[in-house]
């Protein structure tokens, strides 16, 4: 399922990252790698604030839909 459907305070493991090569490279540079745990800090209408490793990152719905957990 896409990351945008995860509930608040849930921890998910990234299974796949979709989108074009530039999108995948950008997410990879932010720490979104296959097998990485991601915790949803806050969710509002599919827009997320997530914690990846030691960083908190805001994602809009379209970007969160490209990350499968």
PDB file of N, CA and C in Angstrom:
ATOM      1  N   UNK A   1       0.845  -1.180   0.000  1.00  0.00           N
ATOM      2  CA  UNK A   1       0.000   0.000   0.000  1.00  0.00           C
ATOM      3  C   UNK A   1       0.884   1.234   0.000  1.00  0.00           C
ATOM      4  N   UNK A   2       0.393   2.359  -0.504  1.00  0.00           N
ATOM      5  CA  UNK A   2       1.207   3.581  -0.511  1.00  0.00           C
ATOM      6  C   UNK A   2       1.361   4.171   0.892  1.00  0.00           C
ATOM      7  N   UNK A   3       2.443   4.873   1.088  1.00  0.00           N
ATOM      8  CA  UNK A   3       2.741   5.494   2.381  1.00  0.00           C
ATOM      9  C   UNK A   3       1.650   6.466   2.803  1.00  0.00           C
ATOM     10  N   UNK A   4       0.963   7.085   1.855  1.00  0.00           N
ATOM     11  CA  UNK A   4      -0.075   8.071   2.182  1.00  0.00           C
ATOM     12  C   UNK A   4      -1.254   7.460   2.933  1.00  0.00           C
ATOM     13  N   UNK A   5      -1.422   6.141   2.905  1.00  0.00           N
ATOM     14  CA  UNK A   5      -2.520   5.482   3.608  1.00  0.00           C
ATOM     15  C   UNK A   5      -2.158   5.034   5.024  1.00  0.00           C
ATOM     16  N   UNK A   6      -0.922   5.213   5.431  1.00  0.00           N
ATOM     17  CA  UNK A   6      -0.507   4.818   6.787  1.00  0.00           C
ATOM     18  C   UNK A   6      -1.077   5.796   7.808  1.00  0.00           C
ATOM     19  N   UNK A   7      -1.381   5.281   8.982  1.00  0.00           N
ATOM     20  CA  UNK A   7      -1.966   6.117  10.030  1.00  0.00           C
ATOM     21  C   UNK A   7      -0.879   6.801  10.854  1.00  0.00           C
ATOM     22  N   UNK A   8      -1.295   7.771  11.661  1.00  0.00           N
ATOM     23  CA  UNK A   8      -0.358   8.499  12.522  1.00  0.00           C
ATOM     24  C   UNK A   8       0.331   7.550  13.485  1.00  0.00           C
ATOM     25  N   UNK A   9       1.585   7.842  13.782  1.00  0.00           N
ATOM     26  CA  UNK A   9       2.426   7.092  14.712  1.00  0.00           C
ATOM     27  C   UNK A   9       2.645   5.642  14.314  1.00  0.00           C
ATOM     28  N   UNK A  10       2.403   5.290  13.057  1.00  0.00           N
ATOM     29  CA  UNK A  10       2.690   3.924  12.611  1.00  0.00           C
ATOM     30  C   UNK A  10       4.081   3.887  11.989  1.00  0.00           C
ATOM     31  N   UNK A  11       4.732   2.747  12.133  1.00  0.00           N
ATOM     32  CA  UNK A  11       6.046   2.537  11.536  1.00  0.00           C
ATOM     33  C   UNK A  11       5.896   1.520  10.424  1.00  0.00           C
ATOM     34  N   UNK A  12       6.392   1.860   9.243  1.00  0.00           N
ATOM     35  CA  UNK A  12       6.278   1.005   8.070  1.00  0.00           C
ATOM     36  C   UNK A  12       7.666   0.800   7.468  1.00  0.00           C
ATOM     37  N   UNK A  13       7.823  -0.287   6.744  1.00  0.00           N
ATOM     38  CA  UNK A  13       9.063  -0.579   6.032  1.00  0.00           C
ATOM     39  C   UNK A  13       8.839  -0.357   4.547  1.00  0.00           C
ATOM     40  N   UNK A  14       9.748   0.371   3.917  1.00  0.00           N
ATOM     41  CA  UNK A  14       9.632   0.672   2.497  1.00  0.00           C
ATOM     42  C   UNK A  14       9.901  -0.595   1.691  1.00  0.00           C
ATOM     43  N   UNK A  15       8.967  -0.939   0.801  1.00  0.00           N
ATOM     44  CA  UNK A  15       9.098  -2.120  -0.055  1.00  0.00           C
ATOM     45  C   UNK A  15       9.545  -1.752  -1.464  1.00  0.00           C
ATOM     46  N   UNK A  16       9.050  -0.611  -1.971  1.00  0.00           N
ATOM     47  CA  UNK A  16       9.342  -0.222  -3.345  1.00  0.00           C
ATOM     48  C   UNK A  16       9.145   1.276  -3.493  1.00  0.00           C
ATOM     49  N   UNK A  17       9.936   1.894  -4.365  1.00  0.00           N
ATOM     50  CA  UNK A  17       9.785   3.313  -4.665  1.00  0.00           C
ATOM     51  C   UNK A  17       9.528   3.442  -6.157  1.00  0.00           C
ATOM     52  N   UNK A  18       8.398   4.058  -6.503  1.00  0.00           N
ATOM     53  CA  UNK A  18       8.022   4.226  -7.896  1.00  0.00           C
ATOM     54  C   UNK A  18       8.376   5.601  -8.415  1.00  0.00           C
ATOM     55  N   UNK A  19       7.893   5.906  -9.608  1.00  0.00           N
ATOM     56  CA  UNK A  19       8.151   7.202 -10.220  1.00  0.00           C
ATOM     57  C   UNK A  19       9.323   7.141 -11.176  1.00  0.00           C
ATOM     58  N   UNK A  20       9.641   8.268 -11.745  1.00  0.00           N
ATOM     59  CA  UNK A  20      10.758   8.358 -12.687  1.00  0.00           C
ATOM     60  C   UNK A  20      12.096   8.257 -11.985  1.00  0.00           C
ATOM     61  N   UNK A  21      13.134   8.149 -12.768  1.00  0.00           N
ATOM     62  CA  UNK A  21      14.473   7.976 -12.191  1.00  0.00           C
ATOM     63  C   UNK A  21      14.895   9.183 -11.353  1.00  0.00           C
ATOM     64  N   UNK A  22      14.513  10.389 -11.767  1.00  0.00           N
ATOM     65  CA  UNK A  22      14.888  11.576 -10.995  1.00  0.00           C
ATOM     66  C   UNK A  22      14.161  11.616  -9.654  1.00  0.00           C
ATOM     67  N   UNK A  23      12.900  11.165  -9.639  1.00  0.00           N
ATOM     68  CA  UNK A  23      12.128  11.119  -8.394  1.00  0.00           C
ATOM     69  C   UNK A  23      12.736  10.097  -7.445  1.00  0.00           C
ATOM     70  N   UNK A  24      13.051   8.905  -7.971  1.00  0.00           N
ATOM     71  CA  UNK A  24      13.663   7.861  -7.133  1.00  0.00           C
ATOM     72  C   UNK A  24      15.009   8.309  -6.587  1.00  0.00           C
ATOM     73  N   UNK A  25      15.792   8.990  -7.404  1.00  0.00           N
ATOM     74  CA  UNK A  25      17.103   9.472  -6.959  1.00  0.00           C
ATOM     75  C   UNK A  25      16.941  10.528  -5.864  1.00  0.00           C
ATOM     76  N   UNK A  26      15.963  11.424  -6.014  1.00  0.00           N
ATOM     77  CA  UNK A  26      15.720  12.460  -5.008  1.00  0.00           C
ATOM     78  C   UNK A  26      15.292  11.832  -3.680  1.00  0.00           C
ATOM     79  N   UNK A  27      14.348  10.882  -3.732  1.00  0.00           N
ATOM     80  CA  UNK A  27      13.898  10.216  -2.508  1.00  0.00           C
ATOM     81  C   UNK A  27      15.026   9.415  -1.879  1.00  0.00           C
ATOM     82  N   UNK A  28      15.853   8.800  -2.701  1.00  0.00           N
ATOM     83  CA  UNK A  28      16.999   8.053  -2.196  1.00  0.00           C
ATOM     84  C   UNK A  28      17.964   8.975  -1.447  1.00  0.00           C
ATOM     85  N   UNK A  29      18.189  10.167  -1.971  1.00  0.00           N
ATOM     86  CA  UNK A  29      19.087  11.113  -1.314  1.00  0.00           C
ATOM     87  C   UNK A  29      18.524  11.623   0.015  1.00  0.00           C
ATOM     88  N   UNK A  30      17.186  11.575   0.162  1.00  0.00           N
ATOM     89  CA  UNK A  30      16.550  11.980   1.414  1.00  0.00           C
ATOM     90  C   UNK A  30      16.535  10.855   2.453  1.00  0.00           C
ATOM     91  N   UNK A  31      16.907   9.628   2.035  1.00  0.00           N
ATOM     92  CA  UNK A  31      16.946   8.505   2.959  1.00  0.00           C
ATOM     93  C   UNK A  31      15.848   7.486   2.765  1.00  0.00           C
ATOM     94  N   UNK A  32      15.013   7.669   1.746  1.00  0.00           N
ATOM     95  CA  UNK A  32      13.946   6.716   1.448  1.00  0.00           C
ATOM     96  C   UNK A  32      14.512   5.598   0.588  1.00  0.00           C
ATOM     97  N   UNK A  33      14.981   4.537   1.228  1.00  0.00           N
ATOM     98  CA  UNK A  33      15.564   3.402   0.535  1.00  0.00           C
ATOM     99  C   UNK A  33      14.751   2.162   0.840  1.00  0.00           C
ATOM    100  N   UNK A  34      14.774   1.191  -0.061  1.00  0.00           N
ATOM    101  CA  UNK A  34      14.079  -0.069   0.159  1.00  0.00           C
ATOM    102  C   UNK A  34      14.616  -0.734   1.418  1.00  0.00           C
ATOM    103  N   UNK A  35      13.711  -1.157   2.301  1.00  0.00           N
ATOM    104  CA  UNK A  35      14.098  -1.798   3.556  1.00  0.00           C
ATOM    105  C   UNK A  35      14.229  -0.852   4.734  1.00  0.00           C
ATOM    106  N   UNK A  36      14.122   0.448   4.492  1.00  0.00           N
ATOM    107  CA  UNK A  36      14.238   1.447   5.555  1.00  0.00           C
ATOM    108  C   UNK A  36      12.908   1.597   6.284  1.00  0.00           C
ATOM    109  N   UNK A  37      12.956   1.737   7.603  1.00  0.00           N
ATOM    110  CA  UNK A  37      11.746   1.990   8.389  1.00  0.00           C
ATOM    111  C   UNK A  37      11.418   3.473   8.362  1.00  0.00           C
ATOM    112  N   UNK A  38      10.119   3.761   8.220  1.00  0.00           N
ATOM    113  CA  UNK A  38       9.617   5.130   8.179  1.00  0.00           C
ATOM    114  C   UNK A  38       8.499   5.237   9.199  1.00  0.00           C
ATOM    115  N   UNK A  39       8.536   6.288  10.042  1.00  0.00           N
ATOM    116  CA  UNK A  39       7.468   6.501  11.013  1.00  0.00           C
ATOM    117  C   UNK A  39       6.656   7.718  10.602  1.00  0.00           C
ATOM    118  N   UNK A  40       5.342   7.554  10.548  1.00  0.00           N
ATOM    119  CA  UNK A  40       4.452   8.668  10.202  1.00  0.00           C
ATOM    120  C   UNK A  40       4.222   9.499  11.461  1.00  0.00           C
ATOM    121  N   UNK A  41       4.719  10.723  11.449  1.00  0.00           N
ATOM    122  CA  UNK A  41       4.575  11.623  12.594  1.00  0.00           C
ATOM    123  C   UNK A  41       3.219  12.300  12.560  1.00  0.00           C
ATOM    124  N   UNK A  42       2.808  12.755  11.377  1.00  0.00           N
ATOM    125  CA  UNK A  42       1.545  13.470  11.226  1.00  0.00           C
ATOM    126  C   UNK A  42       0.997  13.226   9.832  1.00  0.00           C
ATOM    127  N   UNK A  43      -0.323  13.140   9.732  1.00  0.00           N
ATOM    128  CA  UNK A  43      -0.974  12.933   8.446  1.00  0.00           C
ATOM    129  C   UNK A  43      -2.205  13.821   8.366  1.00  0.00           C
ATOM    130  N   UNK A  44      -2.345  14.552   7.251  1.00  0.00           N
ATOM    131  CA  UNK A  44      -3.504  15.403   7.028  1.00  0.00           C
ATOM    132  C   UNK A  44      -3.852  15.368   5.547  1.00  0.00           C
ATOM    133  N   UNK A  45      -4.970  14.742   5.203  1.00  0.00           N
ATOM    134  CA  UNK A  45      -5.439  14.631   3.817  1.00  0.00           C
ATOM    135  C   UNK A  45      -4.403  13.999   2.885  1.00  0.00           C
ATOM    136  N   UNK A  46      -3.638  13.041   3.379  1.00  0.00           N
ATOM    137  CA  UNK A  46      -2.642  12.370   2.546  1.00  0.00           C
ATOM    138  C   UNK A  46      -1.294  13.043   2.542  1.00  0.00           C
ATOM    139  N   UNK A  47      -1.206  14.267   3.034  1.00  0.00           N
ATOM    140  CA  UNK A  47       0.077  14.945   3.179  1.00  0.00           C
ATOM    141  C   UNK A  47       0.691  14.500   4.499  1.00  0.00           C
ATOM    142  N   UNK A  48       1.971  14.182   4.475  1.00  0.00           N
ATOM    143  CA  UNK A  48       2.598  13.546   5.630  1.00  0.00           C
ATOM    144  C   UNK A  48       3.817  14.288   6.130  1.00  0.00           C
ATOM    145  N   UNK A  49       4.067  14.130   7.410  1.00  0.00           N
ATOM    146  CA  UNK A  49       5.373  14.417   7.993  1.00  0.00           C
ATOM    147  C   UNK A  49       5.871  13.079   8.496  1.00  0.00           C
ATOM    148  N   UNK A  50       7.017  12.648   7.986  1.00  0.00           N
ATOM    149  CA  UNK A  50       7.541  11.333   8.331  1.00  0.00           C
ATOM    150  C   UNK A  50       8.934  11.471   8.924  1.00  0.00           C
ATOM    151  N   UNK A  51       9.301  10.493   9.727  1.00  0.00           N
ATOM    152  CA  UNK A  51      10.646  10.441  10.281  1.00  0.00           C
ATOM    153  C   UNK A  51      11.389   9.302   9.610  1.00  0.00           C
ATOM    154  N   UNK A  52      12.479   9.649   8.952  1.00  0.00           N
ATOM    155  CA  UNK A  52      13.348   8.675   8.302  1.00  0.00           C
ATOM    156  C   UNK A  52      14.710   8.822   8.947  1.00  0.00           C
ATOM    157  N   UNK A  53      15.154   7.753   9.600  1.00  0.00           N
ATOM    158  CA  UNK A  53      16.413   7.782  10.346  1.00  0.00           C
ATOM    159  C   UNK A  53      16.306   8.901  11.386  1.00  0.00           C
ATOM    160  N   UNK A  54      17.137   9.936  11.318  1.00  0.00           N
ATOM    161  CA  UNK A  54      17.099  11.014  12.310  1.00  0.00           C
ATOM    162  C   UNK A  54      16.500  12.301  11.753  1.00  0.00           C
ATOM    163  N   UNK A  55      15.830  12.235  10.614  1.00  0.00           N
ATOM    164  CA  UNK A  55      15.291  13.435   9.961  1.00  0.00           C
ATOM    165  C   UNK A  55      13.775  13.369   9.849  1.00  0.00           C
ATOM    166  N   UNK A  56      13.139  14.515   9.945  1.00  0.00           N
ATOM    167  CA  UNK A  56      11.705  14.627   9.681  1.00  0.00           C
ATOM    168  C   UNK A  56      11.533  15.328   8.345  1.00  0.00           C
ATOM    169  N   UNK A  57      10.693  14.734   7.510  1.00  0.00           N
ATOM    170  CA  UNK A  57      10.524  15.224   6.147  1.00  0.00           C
ATOM    171  C   UNK A  57       9.037  15.343   5.844  1.00  0.00           C
ATOM    172  N   UNK A  58       8.641  16.437   5.198  1.00  0.00           N
ATOM    173  CA  UNK A  58       7.254  16.635   4.773  1.00  0.00           C
ATOM    174  C   UNK A  58       7.113  16.147   3.337  1.00  0.00           C
ATOM    175  N   UNK A  59       6.058  15.365   3.087  1.00  0.00           N
ATOM    176  CA  UNK A  59       5.773  14.848   1.749  1.00  0.00           C
ATOM    177  C   UNK A  59       4.342  15.189   1.372  1.00  0.00           C
ATOM    178  N   UNK A  60       4.143  15.615   0.127  1.00  0.00           N
ATOM    179  CA  UNK A  60       2.772  15.809  -0.323  1.00  0.00           C
ATOM    180  C   UNK A  60       2.195  14.464  -0.753  1.00  0.00           C
ATOM    181  N   UNK A  61       0.901  14.450  -1.016  1.00  0.00           N
ATOM    182  CA  UNK A  61       0.201  13.201  -1.322  1.00  0.00           C
ATOM    183  C   UNK A  61       0.792  12.496  -2.544  1.00  0.00           C
ATOM    184  N   UNK A  62       1.110  13.239  -3.598  1.00  0.00           N
ATOM    185  CA  UNK A  62       1.606  12.606  -4.825  1.00  0.00           C
ATOM    186  C   UNK A  62       2.951  11.918  -4.600  1.00  0.00           C
ATOM    187  N   UNK A  63       3.812  12.525  -3.801  1.00  0.00           N
ATOM    188  CA  UNK A  63       5.111  11.924  -3.513  1.00  0.00           C
ATOM    189  C   UNK A  63       4.945  10.709  -2.581  1.00  0.00           C
ATOM    190  N   UNK A  64       4.055  10.827  -1.597  1.00  0.00           N
ATOM    191  CA  UNK A  64       3.817   9.725  -0.669  1.00  0.00           C
ATOM    192  C   UNK A  64       3.189   8.533  -1.374  1.00  0.00           C
ATOM    193  N   UNK A  65       2.425   8.778  -2.441  1.00  0.00           N
ATOM    194  CA  UNK A  65       1.829   7.685  -3.203  1.00  0.00           C
ATOM    195  C   UNK A  65       2.855   6.877  -3.986  1.00  0.00           C
ATOM    196  N   UNK A  66       4.031   7.439  -4.217  1.00  0.00           N
ATOM    197  CA  UNK A  66       5.083   6.733  -4.953  1.00  0.00           C
ATOM    198  C   UNK A  66       5.892   5.797  -4.066  1.00  0.00           C
ATOM    199  N   UNK A  67       5.711   5.903  -2.746  1.00  0.00           N
ATOM    200  CA  UNK A  67       6.475   5.076  -1.805  1.00  0.00           C
ATOM    201  C   UNK A  67       5.547   3.966  -1.316  1.00  0.00           C
ATOM    202  N   UNK A  68       5.880   2.727  -1.670  1.00  0.00           N
ATOM    203  CA  UNK A  68       5.081   1.571  -1.276  1.00  0.00           C
ATOM    204  C   UNK A  68       5.663   0.937  -0.012  1.00  0.00           C
ATOM    205  N   UNK A  69       4.782   0.641   0.932  1.00  0.00           N
ATOM    206  CA  UNK A  69       5.209   0.031   2.200  1.00  0.00           C
ATOM    207  C   UNK A  69       4.499  -1.282   2.410  1.00  0.00           C
TER     208      UNK A  69
END
